[in-house]
Full PDB file with SEQRES, HELIX, SHEET, SSBOND, CRYST1, ORIGX, SCALE, CONECT and MASTER records, all heavy atoms in Angstrom:
SEQRES   1 A   37  GLY ARG LEU MET LEU ASP ALA THR ASN ALA SER PRO LEU          
SEQRES   2 A   37  ASP GLU ASP SER PHE ILE ASP TRP LEU ASP GLU GLN LEU          
SEQRES   3 A   37  ASP GLU ILE ALA ALA ASP THR LEU ALA ASP LEU                  
HELIX    1 AA1 GLU A   15  GLU A   28  1                                  14    
CRYST1    1.000    1.000    1.000  90.00  90.00  90.00 P 1           1          
ORIGX1      1.000000  0.000000  0.000000        0.00000                         
ORIGX2      0.000000  1.000000  0.000000        0.00000                         
ORIGX3      0.000000  0.000000  1.000000        0.00000                         
SCALE1      1.000000  0.000000  0.000000        0.00000                         
SCALE2      0.000000  1.000000  0.000000        0.00000                         
SCALE3      0.000000  0.000000  1.000000        0.00000                         
ATOM      1  N   GLY A   1       0.747  -1.288   0.013  1.00  0.00           N  
ATOM      2  CA  GLY A   1      -0.015  -0.090   0.039  1.00  0.00           C  
ATOM      3  C   GLY A   1       0.803   1.226   0.103  1.00  0.00           C  
ATOM      4  O   GLY A   1       2.089   1.200  -0.338  1.00  0.00           O  
ATOM      5  N   ARG A   2       0.169   2.428   0.273  1.00  0.00           N  
ATOM      6  CA  ARG A   2       0.910   3.642   0.344  1.00  0.00           C  
ATOM      7  C   ARG A   2       1.775   3.865   1.490  1.00  0.00           C  
ATOM      8  O   ARG A   2       1.506   3.587   2.665  1.00  0.00           O  
ATOM      9  CB  ARG A   2      -0.165   4.829   0.295  1.00  0.00           C  
ATOM     10  CG  ARG A   2      -0.994   4.728  -1.114  1.00  0.00           C  
ATOM     11  CD  ARG A   2      -1.958   6.048  -0.961  1.00  0.00           C  
ATOM     12  NE  ARG A   2      -2.767   6.006  -2.122  1.00  0.00           N  
ATOM     13  CZ  ARG A   2      -4.041   5.539  -2.048  1.00  0.00           C  
ATOM     14  NH1 ARG A   2      -4.477   5.077  -0.867  1.00  0.00           N  
ATOM     15  NH2 ARG A   2      -4.787   5.476  -3.005  1.00  0.00           N  
ATOM     16  N   LEU A   3       2.883   4.491   1.348  1.00  0.00           N  
ATOM     17  CA  LEU A   3       3.883   4.978   2.304  1.00  0.00           C  
ATOM     18  C   LEU A   3       3.507   6.408   2.699  1.00  0.00           C  
ATOM     19  O   LEU A   3       3.479   7.257   1.719  1.00  0.00           O  
ATOM     20  CB  LEU A   3       5.306   4.784   1.770  1.00  0.00           C  
ATOM     21  CG  LEU A   3       6.444   5.355   2.732  1.00  0.00           C  
ATOM     22  CD1 LEU A   3       6.511   4.413   3.994  1.00  0.00           C  
ATOM     23  CD2 LEU A   3       7.736   5.608   1.988  1.00  0.00           C  
ATOM     24  N   MET A   4       3.230   6.689   3.869  1.00  0.00           N  
ATOM     25  CA  MET A   4       2.902   7.969   4.165  1.00  0.00           C  
ATOM     26  C   MET A   4       4.107   8.746   4.767  1.00  0.00           C  
ATOM     27  O   MET A   4       4.663   8.267   5.767  1.00  0.00           O  
ATOM     28  CB  MET A   4       1.746   8.188   5.217  1.00  0.00           C  
ATOM     29  CG  MET A   4       1.170   9.543   5.366  1.00  0.00           C  
ATOM     30  SD  MET A   4       0.244   9.789   6.784  1.00  0.00           S  
ATOM     31  CE  MET A   4       1.559  10.110   7.994  1.00  0.00           C  
ATOM     32  N   LEU A   5       4.649   9.700   4.149  1.00  0.00           N  
ATOM     33  CA  LEU A   5       5.939  10.400   4.537  1.00  0.00           C  
ATOM     34  C   LEU A   5       5.615  11.815   4.620  1.00  0.00           C  
ATOM     35  O   LEU A   5       5.196  12.455   3.570  1.00  0.00           O  
ATOM     36  CB  LEU A   5       7.063  10.039   3.527  1.00  0.00           C  
ATOM     37  CG  LEU A   5       8.343  10.763   3.711  1.00  0.00           C  
ATOM     38  CD1 LEU A   5       9.065  10.214   5.050  1.00  0.00           C  
ATOM     39  CD2 LEU A   5       9.220  10.486   2.513  1.00  0.00           C  
ATOM     40  N   ASP A   6       5.939  12.475   5.708  1.00  0.00           N  
ATOM     41  CA  ASP A   6       5.837  13.884   5.927  1.00  0.00           C  
ATOM     42  C   ASP A   6       7.046  14.475   6.495  1.00  0.00           C  
ATOM     43  O   ASP A   6       7.387  14.010   7.721  1.00  0.00           O  
ATOM     44  CB  ASP A   6       4.602  14.273   6.786  1.00  0.00           C  
ATOM     45  CG  ASP A   6       4.499  15.761   7.024  1.00  0.00           C  
ATOM     46  OD1 ASP A   6       4.752  16.525   6.042  1.00  0.00           O  
ATOM     47  OD2 ASP A   6       4.189  16.268   8.151  1.00  0.00           O  
ATOM     48  N   ALA A   7       7.721  15.325   5.855  1.00  0.00           N  
ATOM     49  CA  ALA A   7       8.990  15.935   6.386  1.00  0.00           C  
ATOM     50  C   ALA A   7       8.728  17.386   6.868  1.00  0.00           C  
ATOM     51  O   ALA A   7       8.887  18.310   5.891  1.00  0.00           O  
ATOM     52  CB  ALA A   7      10.128  15.899   5.492  1.00  0.00           C  
ATOM     53  N   THR A   8       8.162  17.633   8.088  1.00  0.00           N  
ATOM     54  CA  THR A   8       7.766  18.860   8.437  1.00  0.00           C  
ATOM     55  C   THR A   8       8.927  19.752   8.922  1.00  0.00           C  
ATOM     56  O   THR A   8       9.724  19.465   9.783  1.00  0.00           O  
ATOM     57  CB  THR A   8       6.796  18.777   9.611  1.00  0.00           C  
ATOM     58  OG1 THR A   8       5.642  17.931   9.267  1.00  0.00           O  
ATOM     59  CG2 THR A   8       6.374  20.184  10.122  1.00  0.00           C  
ATOM     60  N   ASN A   9       9.162  20.964   8.184  1.00  0.00           N  
ATOM     61  CA  ASN A   9      10.290  21.849   8.367  1.00  0.00           C  
ATOM     62  C   ASN A   9      11.684  21.104   8.336  1.00  0.00           C  
ATOM     63  O   ASN A   9      12.618  21.638   8.863  1.00  0.00           O  
ATOM     64  CB  ASN A   9      10.162  22.402   9.750  1.00  0.00           C  
ATOM     65  CG  ASN A   9       9.005  23.398   9.849  1.00  0.00           C  
ATOM     66  OD1 ASN A   9       8.402  23.775   8.914  1.00  0.00           O  
ATOM     67  ND2 ASN A   9       8.527  23.594  11.056  1.00  0.00           N  
ATOM     68  N   ALA A  10      11.743  19.930   7.815  1.00  0.00           N  
ATOM     69  CA  ALA A  10      13.081  19.220   7.543  1.00  0.00           C  
ATOM     70  C   ALA A  10      13.640  19.592   6.238  1.00  0.00           C  
ATOM     71  O   ALA A  10      13.074  20.116   5.161  1.00  0.00           O  
ATOM     72  CB  ALA A  10      12.804  17.802   7.726  1.00  0.00           C  
ATOM     73  N   SER A  11      14.948  19.328   6.000  1.00  0.00           N  
ATOM     74  CA  SER A  11      15.563  19.602   4.883  1.00  0.00           C  
ATOM     75  C   SER A  11      15.181  18.646   3.786  1.00  0.00           C  
ATOM     76  O   SER A  11      14.598  17.534   3.998  1.00  0.00           O  
ATOM     77  CB  SER A  11      17.205  19.493   4.940  1.00  0.00           C  
ATOM     78  OG  SER A  11      17.567  18.235   5.521  1.00  0.00           O  
ATOM     79  N   PRO A  12      15.297  19.019   2.473  1.00  0.00           N  
ATOM     80  CA  PRO A  12      14.786  18.127   1.248  1.00  0.00           C  
ATOM     81  C   PRO A  12      15.178  16.698   1.443  1.00  0.00           C  
ATOM     82  O   PRO A  12      16.315  16.431   1.810  1.00  0.00           O  
ATOM     83  CB  PRO A  12      15.301  18.764   0.073  1.00  0.00           C  
ATOM     84  CG  PRO A  12      15.390  20.247   0.455  1.00  0.00           C  
ATOM     85  CD  PRO A  12      15.967  20.153   1.931  1.00  0.00           C  
ATOM     86  N   LEU A  13      14.429  15.770   0.979  1.00  0.00           N  
ATOM     87  CA  LEU A  13      14.652  14.316   0.928  1.00  0.00           C  
ATOM     88  C   LEU A  13      14.286  13.776  -0.364  1.00  0.00           C  
ATOM     89  O   LEU A  13      13.208  14.023  -0.879  1.00  0.00           O  
ATOM     90  CB  LEU A  13      13.793  13.609   2.090  1.00  0.00           C  
ATOM     91  CG  LEU A  13      13.948  12.067   2.126  1.00  0.00           C  
ATOM     92  CD1 LEU A  13      15.128  11.573   2.467  1.00  0.00           C  
ATOM     93  CD2 LEU A  13      12.765  11.598   3.083  1.00  0.00           C  
ATOM     94  N   ASP A  14      15.124  12.845  -1.002  1.00  0.00           N  
ATOM     95  CA  ASP A  14      14.883  12.233  -2.277  1.00  0.00           C  
ATOM     96  C   ASP A  14      13.928  11.107  -1.892  1.00  0.00           C  
ATOM     97  O   ASP A  14      14.544   9.965  -1.422  1.00  0.00           O  
ATOM     98  CB  ASP A  14      16.172  11.709  -2.832  1.00  0.00           C  
ATOM     99  CG  ASP A  14      15.986  11.221  -4.328  1.00  0.00           C  
ATOM    100  OD1 ASP A  14      15.004  10.657  -4.628  1.00  0.00           O  
ATOM    101  OD2 ASP A  14      16.868  11.224  -5.233  1.00  0.00           O  
ATOM    102  N   GLU A  15      12.728  11.182  -2.030  1.00  0.00           N  
ATOM    103  CA  GLU A  15      11.736  10.191  -1.670  1.00  0.00           C  
ATOM    104  C   GLU A  15      12.030   8.892  -2.475  1.00  0.00           C  
ATOM    105  O   GLU A  15      11.708   7.711  -1.845  1.00  0.00           O  
ATOM    106  CB  GLU A  15      10.331  10.734  -1.847  1.00  0.00           C  
ATOM    107  CG  GLU A  15      10.004  11.843  -0.800  1.00  0.00           C  
ATOM    108  CD  GLU A  15       8.536  12.134  -0.859  1.00  0.00           C  
ATOM    109  OE1 GLU A  15       7.703  11.268  -1.228  1.00  0.00           O  
ATOM    110  OE2 GLU A  15       8.157  13.199  -0.545  1.00  0.00           O  
ATOM    111  N   ASP A  16      12.223   8.941  -3.869  1.00  0.00           N  
ATOM    112  CA  ASP A  16      12.380   7.767  -4.601  1.00  0.00           C  
ATOM    113  C   ASP A  16      13.505   6.918  -3.995  1.00  0.00           C  
ATOM    114  O   ASP A  16      13.479   5.720  -3.914  1.00  0.00           O  
ATOM    115  CB  ASP A  16      12.736   8.137  -6.012  1.00  0.00           C  
ATOM    116  CG  ASP A  16      11.568   8.240  -6.853  1.00  0.00           C  
ATOM    117  OD1 ASP A  16      10.432   7.924  -6.332  1.00  0.00           O  
ATOM    118  OD2 ASP A  16      11.574   8.595  -8.054  1.00  0.00           O  
ATOM    119  N   SER A  17      14.754   7.559  -3.771  1.00  0.00           N  
ATOM    120  CA  SER A  17      15.773   6.867  -3.172  1.00  0.00           C  
ATOM    121  C   SER A  17      15.551   6.224  -1.917  1.00  0.00           C  
ATOM    122  O   SER A  17      15.945   5.074  -1.459  1.00  0.00           O  
ATOM    123  CB  SER A  17      17.062   7.720  -3.202  1.00  0.00           C  
ATOM    124  OG  SER A  17      17.464   8.094  -4.565  1.00  0.00           O  
ATOM    125  N   PHE A  18      14.813   6.963  -1.166  1.00  0.00           N  
ATOM    126  CA  PHE A  18      14.485   6.575   0.310  1.00  0.00           C  
ATOM    127  C   PHE A  18      13.657   5.407   0.189  1.00  0.00           C  
ATOM    128  O   PHE A  18      13.883   4.356   0.971  1.00  0.00           O  
ATOM    129  CB  PHE A  18      13.720   7.619   1.117  1.00  0.00           C  
ATOM    130  CG  PHE A  18      13.334   7.280   2.425  1.00  0.00           C  
ATOM    131  CD1 PHE A  18      14.250   6.901   3.336  1.00  0.00           C  
ATOM    132  CD2 PHE A  18      12.051   7.209   2.686  1.00  0.00           C  
ATOM    133  CE1 PHE A  18      13.777   6.493   4.609  1.00  0.00           C  
ATOM    134  CE2 PHE A  18      11.667   6.854   3.983  1.00  0.00           C  
ATOM    135  CZ  PHE A  18      12.444   6.521   4.941  1.00  0.00           C  
ATOM    136  N   ILE A  19      12.572   5.296  -0.565  1.00  0.00           N  
ATOM    137  CA  ILE A  19      11.646   4.270  -0.692  1.00  0.00           C  
ATOM    138  C   ILE A  19      12.325   3.000  -1.206  1.00  0.00           C  
ATOM    139  O   ILE A  19      12.083   1.943  -0.666  1.00  0.00           O  
ATOM    140  CB  ILE A  19      10.478   4.611  -1.590  1.00  0.00           C  
ATOM    141  CG1 ILE A  19       9.588   5.643  -0.887  1.00  0.00           C  
ATOM    142  CG2 ILE A  19       9.609   3.446  -1.901  1.00  0.00           C  
ATOM    143  CD1 ILE A  19       8.455   6.206  -1.750  1.00  0.00           C  
ATOM    144  N   ASP A  20      13.185   3.237  -2.185  1.00  0.00           N  
ATOM    145  CA  ASP A  20      14.036   2.040  -2.627  1.00  0.00           C  
ATOM    146  C   ASP A  20      14.853   1.391  -1.560  1.00  0.00           C  
ATOM    147  O   ASP A  20      14.888   0.124  -1.425  1.00  0.00           O  
ATOM    148  CB  ASP A  20      14.776   2.369  -3.850  1.00  0.00           C  
ATOM    149  CG  ASP A  20      14.029   2.747  -5.090  1.00  0.00           C  
ATOM    150  OD1 ASP A  20      12.865   2.378  -5.241  1.00  0.00           O  
ATOM    151  OD2 ASP A  20      14.536   3.279  -6.002  1.00  0.00           O  
ATOM    152  N   TRP A  21      15.571   2.271  -0.815  1.00  0.00           N  
ATOM    153  CA  TRP A  21      16.345   1.789   0.171  1.00  0.00           C  
ATOM    154  C   TRP A  21      15.448   0.990   1.231  1.00  0.00           C  
ATOM    155  O   TRP A  21      15.955   0.095   1.803  1.00  0.00           O  
ATOM    156  CB  TRP A  21      17.137   2.955   0.807  1.00  0.00           C  
ATOM    157  CG  TRP A  21      17.846   2.593   2.134  1.00  0.00           C  
ATOM    158  CD1 TRP A  21      19.097   2.088   2.140  1.00  0.00           C  
ATOM    159  CD2 TRP A  21      17.460   2.714   3.625  1.00  0.00           C  
ATOM    160  NE1 TRP A  21      19.517   1.919   3.551  1.00  0.00           N  
ATOM    161  CE2 TRP A  21      18.435   2.238   4.269  1.00  0.00           C  
ATOM    162  CE3 TRP A  21      16.241   3.292   4.082  1.00  0.00           C  
ATOM    163  CZ2 TRP A  21      18.289   2.223   5.678  1.00  0.00           C  
ATOM    164  CZ3 TRP A  21      16.158   3.089   5.324  1.00  0.00           C  
ATOM    165  CH2 TRP A  21      16.984   2.610   6.163  1.00  0.00           C  
ATOM    166  N   LEU A  22      14.405   1.659   1.666  1.00  0.00           N  
ATOM    167  CA  LEU A  22      13.506   1.074   2.724  1.00  0.00           C  
ATOM    168  C   LEU A  22      13.073  -0.269   2.214  1.00  0.00           C  
ATOM    169  O   LEU A  22      13.043  -1.188   3.103  1.00  0.00           O  
ATOM    170  CB  LEU A  22      12.224   2.136   2.891  1.00  0.00           C  
ATOM    171  CG  LEU A  22      11.406   1.799   4.042  1.00  0.00           C  
ATOM    172  CD1 LEU A  22      12.183   1.838   5.309  1.00  0.00           C  
ATOM    173  CD2 LEU A  22      10.316   2.795   4.132  1.00  0.00           C  
ATOM    174  N   ASP A  23      12.571  -0.421   1.080  1.00  0.00           N  
ATOM    175  CA  ASP A  23      12.218  -1.816   0.651  1.00  0.00           C  
ATOM    176  C   ASP A  23      13.395  -2.742   0.699  1.00  0.00           C  
ATOM    177  O   ASP A  23      13.091  -3.953   1.002  1.00  0.00           O  
ATOM    178  CB  ASP A  23      11.713  -1.602  -0.855  1.00  0.00           C  
ATOM    179  CG  ASP A  23      10.404  -0.969  -1.048  1.00  0.00           C  
ATOM    180  OD1 ASP A  23       9.673  -0.932  -0.017  1.00  0.00           O  
ATOM    181  OD2 ASP A  23      10.016  -0.614  -2.033  1.00  0.00           O  
ATOM    182  N   GLU A  24      14.586  -2.474   0.383  1.00  0.00           N  
ATOM    183  CA  GLU A  24      15.713  -3.356   0.509  1.00  0.00           C  
ATOM    184  C   GLU A  24      15.984  -3.635   1.954  1.00  0.00           C  
ATOM    185  O   GLU A  24      16.315  -4.903   2.247  1.00  0.00           O  
ATOM    186  CB  GLU A  24      16.988  -2.519   0.025  1.00  0.00           C  
ATOM    187  CG  GLU A  24      17.002  -2.387  -1.632  1.00  0.00           C  
ATOM    188  CD  GLU A  24      18.184  -1.572  -1.980  1.00  0.00           C  
ATOM    189  OE1 GLU A  24      18.964  -1.235  -1.151  1.00  0.00           O  
ATOM    190  OE2 GLU A  24      18.408  -1.353  -3.133  1.00  0.00           O  
ATOM    191  N   GLN A  25      15.773  -2.729   2.845  1.00  0.00           N  
ATOM    192  CA  GLN A  25      16.011  -3.121   4.291  1.00  0.00           C  
ATOM    193  C   GLN A  25      14.918  -4.061   4.858  1.00  0.00           C  
ATOM    194  O   GLN A  25      15.245  -5.018   5.499  1.00  0.00           O  
ATOM    195  CB  GLN A  25      15.958  -1.879   5.086  1.00  0.00           C  
ATOM    196  CG  GLN A  25      17.051  -0.771   4.721  1.00  0.00           C  
ATOM    197  CD  GLN A  25      18.441  -1.369   4.865  1.00  0.00           C  
ATOM    198  OE1 GLN A  25      18.846  -1.933   5.811  1.00  0.00           O  
ATOM    199  NE2 GLN A  25      19.098  -1.250   3.670  1.00  0.00           N  
ATOM    200  N   LEU A  26      13.695  -3.888   4.455  1.00  0.00           N  
ATOM    201  CA  LEU A  26      12.608  -4.848   4.796  1.00  0.00           C  
ATOM    202  C   LEU A  26      12.922  -6.184   4.295  1.00  0.00           C  
ATOM    203  O   LEU A  26      12.613  -7.210   4.929  1.00  0.00           O  
ATOM    204  CB  LEU A  26      11.385  -4.329   4.257  1.00  0.00           C  
ATOM    205  CG  LEU A  26      10.696  -3.080   4.923  1.00  0.00           C  
ATOM    206  CD1 LEU A  26       9.507  -2.621   4.262  1.00  0.00           C  
ATOM    207  CD2 LEU A  26      10.476  -3.277   6.454  1.00  0.00           C  
ATOM    208  N   ASP A  27      13.459  -6.253   3.179  1.00  0.00           N  
ATOM    209  CA  ASP A  27      13.750  -7.541   2.518  1.00  0.00           C  
ATOM    210  C   ASP A  27      14.991  -8.274   3.321  1.00  0.00           C  
ATOM    211  O   ASP A  27      14.931  -9.490   3.451  1.00  0.00           O  
ATOM    212  CB  ASP A  27      14.180  -7.408   1.104  1.00  0.00           C  
ATOM    213  CG  ASP A  27      14.208  -8.739   0.365  1.00  0.00           C  
ATOM    214  OD1 ASP A  27      13.363  -9.523   0.566  1.00  0.00           O  
ATOM    215  OD2 ASP A  27      15.265  -8.974  -0.360  1.00  0.00           O  
ATOM    216  N   GLU A  28      15.758  -7.512   3.858  1.00  0.00           N  
ATOM    217  CA  GLU A  28      16.930  -8.028   4.549  1.00  0.00           C  
ATOM    218  C   GLU A  28      16.747  -8.463   6.038  1.00  0.00           C  
ATOM    219  O   GLU A  28      17.278  -9.371   6.555  1.00  0.00           O  
ATOM    220  CB  GLU A  28      18.169  -7.005   4.526  1.00  0.00           C  
ATOM    221  CG  GLU A  28      18.692  -6.823   3.108  1.00  0.00           C  
ATOM    222  CD  GLU A  28      19.845  -5.785   3.090  1.00  0.00           C  
ATOM    223  OE1 GLU A  28      20.111  -5.264   4.208  1.00  0.00           O  
ATOM    224  OE2 GLU A  28      20.340  -5.397   2.060  1.00  0.00           O  
ATOM    225  N   ILE A  29      15.856  -7.605   6.744  1.00  0.00           N  
ATOM    226  CA  ILE A  29      15.828  -7.752   8.224  1.00  0.00           C  
ATOM    227  C   ILE A  29      14.962  -9.076   8.514  1.00  0.00           C  
ATOM    228  O   ILE A  29      13.909  -9.301   7.946  1.00  0.00           O  
ATOM    229  CB  ILE A  29      14.964  -6.522   8.711  1.00  0.00           C  
ATOM    230  CG1 ILE A  29      15.788  -5.227   8.632  1.00  0.00           C  
ATOM    231  CG2 ILE A  29      14.650  -6.797  10.196  1.00  0.00           C  
ATOM    232  CD1 ILE A  29      15.235  -3.937   9.064  1.00  0.00           C  
ATOM    233  N   ALA A  30      15.482  -9.817   9.423  1.00  0.00           N  
ATOM    234  CA  ALA A  30      14.803 -10.999   9.897  1.00  0.00           C  
ATOM    235  C   ALA A  30      14.269 -10.667  11.342  1.00  0.00           C  
ATOM    236  O   ALA A  30      14.883 -10.354  12.240  1.00  0.00           O  
ATOM    237  CB  ALA A  30      15.765 -12.108  10.060  1.00  0.00           C  
ATOM    238  N   ALA A  31      12.898 -10.530  11.420  1.00  0.00           N  
ATOM    239  CA  ALA A  31      12.210 -10.186  12.604  1.00  0.00           C  
ATOM    240  C   ALA A  31      10.899 -10.971  12.724  1.00  0.00           C  
ATOM    241  O   ALA A  31      10.060 -11.019  11.750  1.00  0.00           O  
ATOM    242  CB  ALA A  31      11.935  -8.712  12.659  1.00  0.00           C  
ATOM    243  N   ASP A  32      10.526 -11.404  13.911  1.00  0.00           N  
ATOM    244  CA  ASP A  32       9.355 -12.157  14.027  1.00  0.00           C  
ATOM    245  C   ASP A  32       8.153 -11.347  14.398  1.00  0.00           C  
ATOM    246  O   ASP A  32       7.055 -11.852  14.042  1.00  0.00           O  
ATOM    247  CB  ASP A  32       9.492 -13.205  15.284  1.00  0.00           C  
ATOM    248  CG  ASP A  32      10.689 -14.242  14.936  1.00  0.00           C  
ATOM    249  OD1 ASP A  32      10.746 -14.590  13.717  1.00  0.00           O  
ATOM    250  OD2 ASP A  32      11.310 -14.855  15.877  1.00  0.00           O  
ATOM    251  N   THR A  33       8.310 -10.197  14.896  1.00  0.00           N  
ATOM    252  CA  THR A  33       7.183  -9.433  15.289  1.00  0.00           C  
ATOM    253  C   THR A  33       7.371  -7.989  14.834  1.00  0.00           C  
ATOM    254  O   THR A  33       8.413  -7.590  14.392  1.00  0.00           O  
ATOM    255  CB  THR A  33       7.015  -9.330  16.813  1.00  0.00           C  
ATOM    256  OG1 THR A  33       8.155  -8.565  17.396  1.00  0.00           O  
ATOM    257  CG2 THR A  33       6.954 -10.716  17.462  1.00  0.00           C  
ATOM    258  N   LEU A  34       6.322  -7.120  14.866  1.00  0.00           N  
ATOM    259  CA  LEU A  34       6.478  -5.757  14.415  1.00  0.00           C  
ATOM    260  C   LEU A  34       7.425  -5.004  15.402  1.00  0.00           C  
ATOM    261  O   LEU A  34       8.092  -4.149  15.031  1.00  0.00           O  
ATOM    262  CB  LEU A  34       5.127  -5.096  14.521  1.00  0.00           C  
ATOM    263  CG  LEU A  34       4.106  -5.478  13.359  1.00  0.00           C  
ATOM    264  CD1 LEU A  34       2.698  -4.662  13.519  1.00  0.00           C  
ATOM    265  CD2 LEU A  34       4.635  -5.079  11.932  1.00  0.00           C  
ATOM    266  N   ALA A  35       7.344  -5.324  16.688  1.00  0.00           N  
ATOM    267  CA  ALA A  35       8.265  -4.678  17.628  1.00  0.00           C  
ATOM    268  C   ALA A  35       9.658  -4.946  17.237  1.00  0.00           C  
ATOM    269  O   ALA A  35      10.568  -3.931  17.318  1.00  0.00           O  
ATOM    270  CB  ALA A  35       7.918  -5.120  19.040  1.00  0.00           C  
ATOM    271  N   ASP A  36       9.968  -6.144  16.878  1.00  0.00           N  
ATOM    272  CA  ASP A  36      11.381  -6.489  16.505  1.00  0.00           C  
ATOM    273  C   ASP A  36      11.744  -5.732  15.219  1.00  0.00           C  
ATOM    274  O   ASP A  36      12.949  -5.481  14.968  1.00  0.00           O  
ATOM    275  CB  ASP A  36      11.531  -8.034  16.335  1.00  0.00           C  
ATOM    276  CG  ASP A  36      11.396  -8.795  17.711  1.00  0.00           C  
ATOM    277  OD1 ASP A  36      11.565  -8.148  18.833  1.00  0.00           O  
ATOM    278  OD2 ASP A  36      11.012  -9.938  17.637  1.00  0.00           O  
ATOM    279  N   LEU A  37      10.812  -5.791  14.306  1.00  0.00           N  
ATOM    280  CA  LEU A  37      11.096  -5.028  12.905  1.00  0.00           C  
ATOM    281  C   LEU A  37      11.397  -3.594  13.267  1.00  0.00           C  
ATOM    282  O   LEU A  37      12.320  -3.025  12.738  1.00  0.00           O  
ATOM    283  CB  LEU A  37       9.849  -5.193  12.099  1.00  0.00           C  
ATOM    284  CG  LEU A  37      10.017  -4.487  10.734  1.00  0.00           C  
ATOM    285  CD1 LEU A  37      11.226  -5.054   9.950  1.00  0.00           C  
ATOM    286  CD2 LEU A  37       8.605  -4.643   9.883  1.00  0.00           C  
TER     287      LEU A  37                                                      
MASTER        0    0    0    1    0    0    0    6  286    1    0    3          
END                                                                             
Protein backbone atom coordinates (compact mmCIF):
# COMPACT_ATOMS: atom_id res chain seq x y z
CA GLY A 1 0.00 0.00 0.00
CA ARG A 2 0.89 3.65 0.31
CA LEU A 3 3.85 4.92 2.30
CA MET A 4 2.92 8.07 4.22
CA LEU A 5 5.91 10.37 4.56
CA ASP A 6 5.86 13.91 5.90
CA ALA A 7 9.01 15.94 6.44
CA THR A 8 7.76 18.92 8.46
CA ASN A 9 10.27 21.80 8.41
CA ALA A 10 13.02 19.29 7.52
CA SER A 11 15.63 19.61 4.81
CA PRO A 12 14.74 18.11 1.37
CA LEU A 13 14.66 14.33 0.96
CA ASP A 14 14.89 12.25 -2.23
CA GLU A 15 11.76 10.15 -1.70
CA ASP A 16 12.44 7.76 -4.60
CA SER A 17 15.87 6.80 -3.25
CA PHE A 18 14.51 6.56 0.28
CA ILE A 19 11.65 4.24 -0.69
CA ASP A 20 13.99 2.00 -2.71
CA TRP A 21 16.37 1.79 0.26
CA LEU A 22 13.51 1.12 2.66
CA ASP A 23 12.22 -1.79 0.55
CA GLU A 24 15.73 -3.29 0.50
CA GLN A 25 16.00 -3.07 4.28
CA LEU A 26 12.65 -4.77 4.81
CA ASP A 27 13.80 -7.57 2.54
CA GLU A 28 17.00 -8.02 4.57
CA ILE A 29 15.70 -7.75 8.15
CA ALA A 30 14.79 -10.99 9.93
CA ALA A 31 12.20 -10.19 12.62
CA ASP A 32 9.38 -12.23 14.11
CA THR A 33 7.19 -9.35 15.34
CA LEU A 34 6.42 -5.74 14.46
CA ALA A 35 8.25 -4.66 17.61
CA ASP A 36 11.38 -6.53 16.52
CA LEU A 37 11.08 -5.08 13.03
